[in-house]
Amino acid sequence: MTLEAQSHVSLRPYNTLRAGGAAERLAIARSVDELADWAAHAFRAQTPCTVLGWGSNVLPSDAGVPGLVIVNQARTIRIQSDGAIEVDSGFAFQELFLKAAQAGLKGLEYAVGIPGAVGGGLVSNAGAYRSSISESLVAIEVVAYGERKWVEPSFLKLSYRDSVLRSENPPPICLLKLRLQLEKGDPKTIYDEARDYQRQRIGKQPPQASAGSFFKNVYDKALCERLETLRPDLREAGVAPAGHLIEAVGLKGFEHRGAAFGRKHANFILNLRGASATSIRSLAQFAREKVRDRFGVEL
């Protein structure tokens, strides 16, 4: 395969916050094989390599992204009658739920309404309503240190909304495919639960450009006991929603240079008027400082 990439391509169209600078070089991978070839080439050449799925959980720097940015458009899926699923990392997370539901498989109802690709979801161990993608994960195909292979889920050190790929200096790993195992379920129950989740999301999610929920929730039993306005079920579980904390320090709806915290739900940072990545990061940091000063926890 001849590898060709474009130079100095704006990344604003490739992320849901519609902010940030340009990729030094940008390539489109339309299959898993192309994605693997691009990643292996970059890793062997020790070129900085960033893989973008649907861009729903990233914010490129205004200074641009060095090295190679690969836009992952590998989007095939195979579902077997026993509930085994093999899906490309560029496949839409919500579409994965829909395909599973159509096959009568339960366990991904929480994914309805979650934007982004399956690979990006795994990087963040994405989920909602106290579920996550790692719960059904069986194996991952990767390019790691230039070698293409299948690995166990433990390879990624998955935890709450986190993996080794979110570390400060992540290892050279590119996610190609996922194998999941789901159980048969009652179709009506599957769709009813998904519709309930979707209704909750519609009530919270704003229409403006955003990255979805911005901060992780805080798991701190002692803090929850101090939050008088927290719902009893959350207090019992020891979960302090980030939006609750941001609202408590008076930042719901607060604007800064074209960026703002949502008025419907404070844990959404919105790009209202062409905000720069720097403005969005500054707003996020301001909230972290206010919450830390008030409650002694770090978002």
Protein backbone atom coordinates (compact mmCIF):
# COMPACT_ATOMS: atom_id res chain seq x y z
CA MET A 1 0.00 0.00 0.00
CA THR A 2 1.27 3.49 -0.87
CA LEU A 3 0.94 5.67 2.21
CA GLU A 4 -0.01 9.27 1.44
CA ALA A 5 -1.09 11.93 3.89
CA GLN A 6 -2.18 15.56 3.63
CA SER A 7 -0.18 18.29 5.33
CA HIS A 8 -1.46 20.97 7.76
CA VAL A 9 -5.14 20.01 7.82
CA SER A 10 -7.46 21.80 10.27
CA LEU A 11 -8.83 19.46 12.94
CA ARG A 12 -11.90 21.57 13.75
CA PRO A 13 -14.14 19.48 11.43
CA TYR A 14 -12.80 16.29 13.02
CA ASN A 15 -13.84 16.93 16.67
CA THR A 16 -17.25 17.62 18.17
CA LEU A 17 -16.06 20.70 20.08
CA ARG A 18 -15.17 22.25 16.69
CA ALA A 19 -11.97 23.73 18.08
CA GLY A 20 -8.21 23.37 17.85
CA GLY A 21 -5.40 23.71 15.35
CA ALA A 22 -4.12 21.65 12.44
CA ALA A 23 -2.63 18.20 12.04
CA GLU A 24 0.95 18.27 10.80
CA ARG A 25 -0.04 15.33 8.56
CA LEU A 26 -3.47 13.70 8.26
CA ALA A 27 -4.44 10.32 6.79
CA ILE A 28 -7.82 8.63 6.34
CA ALA A 29 -7.96 4.90 7.15
CA ARG A 30 -11.02 3.31 5.51
CA SER A 31 -10.36 -0.25 6.69
CA VAL A 32 -8.72 -2.05 9.59
CA ASP A 33 -5.84 -3.08 7.33
CA GLU A 34 -5.21 0.53 6.30
CA LEU A 35 -5.39 1.62 9.94
CA ALA A 36 -2.92 -1.09 10.96
CA ASP A 37 -0.53 -0.16 8.14
CA TRP A 38 -0.59 3.53 8.98
CA ALA A 39 -0.08 2.90 12.71
CA ALA A 40 2.71 0.36 12.21
CA HIS A 41 4.46 2.73 9.80
CA ALA A 42 4.29 5.60 12.30
CA PHE A 43 5.37 3.48 15.27
CA ARG A 44 8.35 2.02 13.41
CA ALA A 45 9.43 5.48 12.28
CA GLN A 46 8.91 6.76 15.87
CA THR A 47 6.57 9.42 14.48
CA PRO A 48 4.02 10.85 16.94
CA CYS A 49 0.71 9.20 16.03
CA THR A 50 -2.83 10.19 17.05
CA VAL A 51 -5.89 8.16 16.03
CA LEU A 52 -9.22 9.98 15.78
CA GLY A 53 -12.56 8.22 15.65
CA TRP A 54 -15.63 10.47 15.73
CA GLY A 55 -13.76 13.14 17.73
CA SER A 56 -16.26 13.32 20.59
CA ASN A 57 -13.85 13.18 23.52
CA VAL A 58 -10.84 15.16 22.33
CA LEU A 59 -9.66 18.74 22.16
CA PRO A 60 -6.70 19.39 19.82
CA SER A 61 -4.29 22.13 20.83
CA ASP A 62 -4.54 25.48 19.07
CA ALA A 63 -0.83 25.01 18.33
CA GLY A 64 -1.70 21.96 16.24
CA VAL A 65 -0.95 18.25 16.58
CA PRO A 66 2.55 17.09 15.60
CA GLY A 67 3.28 13.97 13.59
CA LEU A 68 0.53 11.89 12.00
CA VAL A 69 -3.20 12.06 12.74
CA ILE A 70 -5.15 9.03 11.44
CA VAL A 71 -8.91 9.45 10.99
CA ASN A 72 -10.33 5.98 11.66
CA GLN A 73 -13.15 5.09 9.26
CA ALA A 74 -12.88 1.29 9.68
CA ARG A 75 -16.54 0.42 10.30
CA THR A 76 -17.48 -3.24 9.85
CA ILE A 77 -19.25 -5.52 12.34
CA ARG A 78 -19.98 -9.24 12.60
CA ILE A 79 -22.52 -10.67 15.07
CA GLN A 80 -22.84 -14.40 15.72
CA SER A 81 -25.89 -16.26 17.00
CA ASP A 82 -24.17 -17.07 20.32
CA GLY A 83 -23.80 -13.35 21.17
CA ALA A 84 -20.18 -12.98 20.06
CA ILE A 85 -19.48 -9.68 18.29
CA GLU A 86 -16.40 -8.61 16.35
CA VAL A 87 -16.43 -4.91 15.50
CA ASP A 88 -13.97 -2.44 13.97
CA SER A 89 -12.74 0.32 16.25
CA GLY A 90 -14.12 3.04 13.95
CA PHE A 91 -17.70 1.71 14.20
CA ALA A 92 -20.17 4.08 15.89
CA PHE A 93 -20.77 3.23 19.57
CA GLN A 94 -24.51 3.92 19.37
CA GLU A 95 -24.79 1.88 16.15
CA LEU A 96 -23.13 -1.02 17.99
CA PHE A 97 -25.98 -0.96 20.50
CA LEU A 98 -28.59 -0.84 17.72
CA LYS A 99 -27.07 -3.80 15.86
CA ALA A 100 -26.85 -5.80 19.09
CA ALA A 101 -30.44 -4.94 20.04
CA GLN A 102 -31.68 -6.01 16.59
CA ALA A 103 -29.98 -9.35 17.23
CA GLY A 104 -31.77 -9.65 20.58
CA LEU A 105 -28.60 -9.10 22.63
CA LYS A 106 -28.62 -7.13 25.89
CA GLY A 107 -25.89 -5.29 27.78
CA LEU A 108 -25.24 -2.21 25.66
CA GLU A 109 -28.45 -0.27 26.35
CA TYR A 110 -26.46 2.48 28.12
CA ALA A 111 -24.69 3.25 24.80
CA VAL A 112 -27.78 4.73 23.16
CA GLY A 113 -27.10 8.41 22.56
CA ILE A 114 -23.37 8.18 23.27
CA PRO A 115 -21.50 9.84 20.39
CA GLY A 116 -18.17 8.54 19.17
CA ALA A 117 -16.51 5.41 17.90
CA VAL A 118 -16.10 2.06 19.62
CA GLY A 119 -12.31 2.49 19.76
CA GLY A 120 -12.59 5.90 21.39
CA GLY A 121 -15.10 4.42 23.81
CA LEU A 122 -12.59 1.76 24.82
CA VAL A 123 -9.80 4.31 25.30
CA SER A 124 -11.98 5.99 27.94
CA ASN A 125 -13.74 2.78 29.02
CA ALA A 126 -16.88 4.70 28.14
CA GLY A 127 -20.29 4.00 29.57
CA ALA A 128 -23.15 5.44 31.55
CA TYR A 129 -25.60 4.56 34.29
CA ARG A 130 -22.84 2.61 36.13
CA SER A 131 -22.05 0.40 33.15
CA SER A 132 -19.07 0.44 30.79
CA ILE A 133 -17.83 -1.22 27.62
CA SER A 134 -15.16 -3.24 29.46
CA GLU A 135 -17.88 -5.39 31.07
CA SER A 136 -18.57 -7.22 27.79
CA LEU A 137 -15.05 -7.06 26.34
CA VAL A 138 -13.33 -10.36 25.48
CA ALA A 139 -10.30 -9.42 23.37
CA ILE A 140 -8.78 -6.56 21.36
CA GLU A 141 -6.81 -6.56 18.15
CA VAL A 142 -4.06 -3.95 18.30
CA VAL A 143 -0.91 -2.68 16.70
CA ALA A 144 1.44 -2.45 19.67
CA TYR A 145 5.04 -1.31 19.29
CA GLY A 146 4.73 -1.98 15.56
CA GLU A 147 3.32 -5.53 15.91
CA ARG A 148 -0.26 -6.52 14.99
CA LYS A 149 -1.83 -9.02 17.44
CA TRP A 150 -4.81 -9.97 19.59
CA VAL A 151 -4.52 -9.24 23.34
CA GLU A 152 -6.50 -9.74 26.56
CA PRO A 153 -8.55 -6.80 27.95
CA SER A 154 -6.06 -6.50 30.84
CA PHE A 155 -3.52 -5.27 28.27
CA LEU A 156 -5.18 -1.83 28.37
CA LYS A 157 -5.35 -1.55 32.20
CA LEU A 158 -9.01 -0.52 32.05
CA SER A 159 -10.64 1.23 35.01
CA TYR A 160 -13.42 3.78 35.59
CA ARG A 161 -13.43 5.98 32.45
CA ASP A 162 -9.74 5.28 32.01
CA SER A 163 -7.13 3.09 30.33
CA VAL A 164 -3.39 3.05 29.75
CA LEU A 165 -4.04 5.01 26.55
CA ARG A 166 -5.16 8.02 28.60
CA SER A 167 -1.90 8.18 30.56
CA GLU A 168 0.39 11.17 30.22
CA ASN A 169 2.82 9.28 27.98
CA PRO A 170 0.70 6.50 26.43
CA PRO A 171 2.44 3.50 24.88
CA PRO A 172 2.41 3.15 21.06
CA ILE A 173 -0.82 1.16 20.79
CA CYS A 174 -3.51 1.46 18.10
CA LEU A 175 -6.88 -0.26 18.58
CA LEU A 176 -8.09 -2.15 15.50
CA LYS A 177 -10.96 -4.47 16.48
CA LEU A 178 -12.91 -5.51 19.57
CA ARG A 179 -14.46 -8.85 20.47
CA LEU A 180 -17.45 -8.62 22.79
CA GLN A 181 -19.69 -11.27 24.34
CA LEU A 182 -23.33 -10.42 25.06
CA GLU A 183 -26.27 -12.41 26.38
CA LYS A 184 -29.68 -12.93 24.83
CA GLY A 185 -32.36 -10.65 26.23
CA ASP A 186 -36.01 -9.79 25.85
CA PRO A 187 -36.28 -7.34 22.92
CA LYS A 188 -39.02 -5.25 24.57
CA THR A 189 -37.00 -4.90 27.79
CA ILE A 190 -33.87 -3.94 25.81
CA TYR A 191 -35.63 -1.19 23.86
CA ASP A 192 -37.63 0.07 26.85
CA GLU A 193 -34.44 0.49 28.90
CA ALA A 194 -32.67 2.21 25.99
CA ARG A 195 -35.60 4.58 25.45
CA ASP A 196 -35.53 5.52 29.12
CA TYR A 197 -31.80 6.32 28.90
CA GLN A 198 -32.38 8.30 25.71
CA ARG A 199 -35.11 10.38 27.34
CA GLN A 200 -32.77 11.20 30.21
CA ARG A 201 -30.05 12.26 27.76
CA ILE A 202 -32.37 14.45 25.71
CA GLY A 203 -33.27 16.28 28.91
CA LYS A 204 -29.59 16.98 29.66
CA GLN A 205 -27.66 17.26 26.44
CA PRO A 206 -27.47 20.66 24.72
CA PRO A 207 -27.59 21.07 20.92
CA GLN A 208 -24.41 23.19 20.75
CA ALA A 209 -20.96 21.79 19.94
CA SER A 210 -19.59 19.89 22.95
CA ALA A 211 -17.61 16.82 23.95
CA GLY A 212 -20.47 15.32 25.94
CA SER A 213 -19.98 15.03 29.69
CA PHE A 214 -16.67 16.76 30.31
CA PHE A 215 -15.46 15.69 33.77
CA LYS A 216 -15.60 12.33 35.52
CA ASN A 217 -17.95 11.97 38.47
CA VAL A 218 -16.29 11.95 41.88
CA TYR A 219 -16.48 8.80 44.01
CA ASP A 220 -16.12 10.11 47.57
CA LYS A 221 -18.47 8.94 50.32
CA ALA A 222 -17.43 11.64 52.80
CA LEU A 223 -17.98 14.39 50.24
CA CYS A 224 -21.43 13.02 49.37
CA GLU A 225 -22.45 13.12 53.01
CA ARG A 226 -21.70 16.88 52.99
CA LEU A 227 -23.75 17.64 49.88
CA GLU A 228 -27.20 18.45 51.25
CA THR A 229 -28.81 18.78 47.80
CA LEU A 230 -27.51 15.45 46.48
CA ARG A 231 -30.10 12.79 45.62
CA PRO A 232 -30.34 10.09 48.33
CA ASP A 233 -29.44 7.26 45.92
CA LEU A 234 -26.25 9.08 44.87
CA ARG A 235 -25.35 9.82 48.47
CA GLU A 236 -25.79 6.15 49.33
CA ALA A 237 -23.61 5.12 46.38
CA GLY A 238 -20.97 7.72 47.23
CA VAL A 239 -21.19 9.35 43.77
CA ALA A 240 -20.92 13.12 43.43
CA PRO A 241 -21.78 14.07 39.82
CA ALA A 242 -19.34 16.56 38.35
CA GLY A 243 -22.24 18.69 37.10
CA HIS A 244 -23.63 18.92 40.63
CA LEU A 245 -20.28 20.20 41.93
CA ILE A 246 -19.85 22.70 39.08
CA GLU A 247 -23.37 24.03 39.65
CA ALA A 248 -22.71 24.24 43.40
CA VAL A 249 -19.80 26.65 42.83
CA GLY A 250 -21.98 28.89 40.66
CA LEU A 251 -20.64 28.07 37.21
CA LYS A 252 -23.75 26.68 35.52
CA GLY A 253 -24.15 28.74 32.34
CA PHE A 254 -20.90 30.64 32.97
CA GLU A 255 -19.29 31.89 29.73
CA HIS A 256 -15.66 32.60 28.81
CA ARG A 257 -14.52 33.78 25.37
CA GLY A 258 -17.09 31.87 23.36
CA ALA A 259 -17.11 28.78 25.61
CA ALA A 260 -19.63 28.11 28.38
CA PHE A 261 -20.87 25.58 30.88
CA GLY A 262 -24.29 24.25 29.89
CA ARG A 263 -27.45 25.81 31.30
CA LYS A 264 -29.30 22.48 31.12
CA HIS A 265 -26.45 20.42 32.60
CA ALA A 266 -23.32 22.01 34.07
CA ASN A 267 -20.97 19.15 33.11
CA PHE A 268 -21.12 20.15 29.44
CA ILE A 269 -18.63 22.67 28.09
CA LEU A 270 -20.10 24.21 24.95
CA ASN A 271 -18.48 25.99 22.03
CA LEU A 272 -21.01 28.77 21.52
CA ARG A 273 -19.17 31.23 19.30
CA GLY A 274 -15.98 29.89 17.71
CA ALA A 275 -14.16 29.35 20.99
CA SER A 276 -10.51 28.40 20.80
CA ALA A 277 -9.16 25.24 22.40
CA THR A 278 -7.25 27.50 24.79
CA SER A 279 -10.49 29.17 25.95
CA ILE A 280 -12.16 25.80 26.49
CA ARG A 281 -9.20 24.49 28.47
CA SER A 282 -9.09 27.69 30.54
CA LEU A 283 -12.78 27.34 31.39
CA ALA A 284 -12.25 23.72 32.42
CA GLN A 285 -9.29 24.66 34.61
CA PHE A 286 -11.28 27.46 36.25
CA ALA A 287 -13.96 24.95 37.25
CA ARG A 288 -11.36 22.53 38.62
CA GLU A 289 -9.91 25.28 40.81
CA LYS A 290 -13.31 26.45 42.08
CA VAL A 291 -14.43 22.89 42.93
CA ARG A 292 -11.08 22.08 44.58
CA ASP A 293 -11.20 25.25 46.69
CA ARG A 294 -14.80 24.62 47.78
CA PHE A 295 -14.88 20.84 48.20
CA GLY A 296 -11.25 19.69 48.35
CA VAL A 297 -11.55 17.29 45.40
CA GLU A 298 -9.99 17.38 41.93
CA LEU A 299 -12.21 17.06 38.86
